[in-house]
Each structure stands twice: as structure tokens, then as C-alpha cells.
Amino acid sequence: MRVRKVFWFAIVIIAFSIFMTWYTGIYSSFPDSRDIFIRLAVLSGLFLIINWFWTYLSVRKISITRNQRLLRYQVGNVFEEEFELINPVRYSRLWIEVVDLSNLPGKSGSKVLSGIGGKKNRYYISRNILTKRGSFILGPTLLRSGDPFGMFLSEKLVPSDKQLIVLPYLEKINRFIEPPGYIQGGRAIRQKSLEATSFASGVREYQSGDPLNRIHWKSSAKREKFMVKEFDQDPQGDIWIIIDGDADSNFHELVIPDVQFADTFWALKKKTAFKLPKSTFEYAISISASLASYYLEAEKAVGIACADSVMTVIPTEKGSRQLGKILETMAFFEGRGRMPINEVIESLSTQIARGSTVAFVTPAKPTNIQLCLEILLRRKLKPIVIQISRESFVADSETQNDFEFTNFPGVKIKYGDSISAALESIRYF
């Protein structure tokens, strides 16, 4: 419990009344005036005690719960959270201040509620637009109340362990350039795959440990024994997406969190006007997430790599589970790496299967991009260059670091460009 300025004013009145009681009893010509100051001191003391007791009861036994529909959202979505204040006792609460202490940018859960009846609950909903990737703890929540005269303030901290994961912003891509196969004519690579692919090469007899979903029932019925399907690798190879996490290459503009979304009405209105922050790394993350989503929906095996503060590599795999793994991993990238993109590709190229497509997203200088291309072509890999124009993010920049594309697919994306439109326009140069 904390005391406020009004408390010290009451203390001064009590001290003055006690002093005047002593003074009038000895020096005053009107001894009866002593009774006035005695009553004033007693009433002030009772007033102080009553307010202290009021404040003590104000947050006692009261609780709050925070309910969310989902704990995984994408950047740009409206996060909705329901607060329920529970008063389990018979007496009313004059006012309760709810303070949201979570680290979620643009949070709007703090409110002041008044007139909460006995054995009544109070609900309200907070909405805000998610503008930052990462993990955020939805709490703790501070409940604060006091007496009607503002002498005391009582607080109660309600802990919370719920965690909100904000995934990268992605845009729907309707079409994208098909990666060329390493073998001319798109013929199948006659190399057995340990995983199911879209290219079945034949059947063989069932062996212990084979998945049951690979049993070919028609062949099994014909031969009167279990037969399982065999698969060849994708003739177009795997898809690798490499993100440039070098802090020296990327640009990020520090933005003060916008508080205009505190009103629930405007949060819903502003959803359609959401824009990515002025950060080359955020654009790279969004581009990579959009590409991964497109390729995985097309039943391609996709892997990602990024040399952030630590090197992160997710091996190629198919399916929606892989997309969830990729998006959740990307949610924690910060763009604080110290390894240039050409060194990242140099270290990874030996681990990527020949004939695979490598799409790298970078704001690096043309010299670094040229080195990346030479490494990939030397390793018989198919490059796709997505260059983010760093100069378009920096105000009044006169430096031009655009790369000239020749004989391979590539695109340049500037600040404010539509990611989906830019990626759909990619072509061979």
C-alpha cells in the first residue's frame, strides 16, 4: 500500500490539532476552545483509519483473467483479448484501474472500471494491430485502487505465463517463376528419395519399418503380398531460401510505437492500411515467408537459412507442418548477424543437393551478389536473386547499388512496393 499527497495533508491537520490542543490548554484565555481541536484531531484520525481500511479492502480477493482466441497471429492482424474482472465478495468496488504490463507494442488493455457491484463480473475487450514479430508475454496485470479521497493506493499484481507468438507478415502469391531442373527437359532424377515425393518410380516388396501409408493396395492384391511405392527425387530439386541477416547490409529505422490503435474501433479500421516498417530486414523476412508459403502449397520441399546472431538452418521438407516451423523460426530473427551473404552461401552450398533452386533475399552491394551467383553456378545450383533496394529505405540517399540482372531470374524491391506484385513479376533477364 502506498500513501499519496492527500495523506500528508491529513497528517498536517492532525499534528496541528494536537499542537493547538496543548497550546490552548496552557496559554489560551479560552480553555473551552481546546475541545474543538481535540474533536478535530480525533475526527481526522478516524477519517484516516477509515480510508486506510477502505483501501485495504479495495483490491482484496479481486482477480482478473485474460482470454484469447489464439496465441499465434501474423504481423498486420488485429489481436483481440478479453479481460474479465471478477469480484467474488458481497461489497462493491468504487473503482479499479487495470494496468497491462505486457511487452506487446501498442497494447491497449489498460482501463479504469468503476461501480463494480458485489458478486459481479466486468468484461471488456482490447484490440490492437500486431506490428512486430516475436514472442510476447501477456502479463502480468496490475490491479490498482484506493479510497475516494486519494489518500492511499493499493496494488495487486496478477502474474501470467501466456505467450503470444507473432509470425511474419506474408502476402499471397498467385504465380511465381518455376525453377528450372538441372537435367534438360525436366526429366526425373533417377535417385531414390527417402521421403514421399510427387514422382513415384515403382513398387517393391514391403520391408519392416516401411510406413503403412506407402502401401500400394492394387499391386498388393495382384501379387498377394504387401507392396510399397518407391519415389524419385523432384526433377526440379529442393527450394532453399537464404535470408541476409548481416547487420551491416540491412537498414532499420527506429520507430516509436504508435498509440493510435488504443481505440478498438480504429484498430479494426487501420488493419487494411497496415504497412511494413521501414526496415530492409523486415521486408526480407516477409518476402521469404511469402515464398516459403507459395512453394509449400505447390508441394515443393523448402528449407531456409539465415546467419543471424546464430546460424539457423531448417532442412528441406514438405507440408503445412514445415510452413509452421519456418514461420515460427522467422518470428525470432533480428538481423544482427556479422556474416555477409556471400559467405553464408559459400558455407551452405556444399550441403545443398545439385539441381536445387536457391533464392536469396538481400540488400547487399552488387559485388556481394555477384560473388553469390558465382558460388551457386559453380556448385550447379539455380539462383533466384531478390534484391531489396537499400537506398529506397534511406532518406535523401544518392548512392545507387542496384544490380544488373542477366541470364537468371531476379527482381528489385523498393520500400513501399507490393511484395506479391513484385514477386509475381519476376522473370528471366
Foldseek 3Di string as FASTA:
>chain_A
DFFDPVQVVLVVLLVVLVVVLVCLCPPNPDVVCSVVSVVSNVVSVVVNVVQVVLQVPQCPPKDKDKDFPDQEEAALDKGKIKIKIFAAAQAWHAKKWKDWPKPQFLWQPTDMDGTGGHRHMDMDMWIAGRFAFDKIWRDFMKIKDGGPVRGDIDIDTRGGRRMHGYFAAADAAPDFDDQDFLDPPQDFDPDWDPDDAPAWDAKDADDPPDDPVQWDVVVCVVVVGTIGITGTAGRQFAEEEEEELALVFKDADDDDRDNPCSDVVVNVVCSVVDFHHLILRSVRLHLVLNVVVVVLVVVGFYKYWYQAVHTDIDGTDHDPVVSVVSRSVSSPGDSHGNDGPLVVLLVCLVVGDASYEYEYEGQHAQVSVVSNVVSQVVSNYAYEYEHEPNQLSDPPDPDDRDYDAAQHKYFYHYGPDDSNVRRNPIDHD
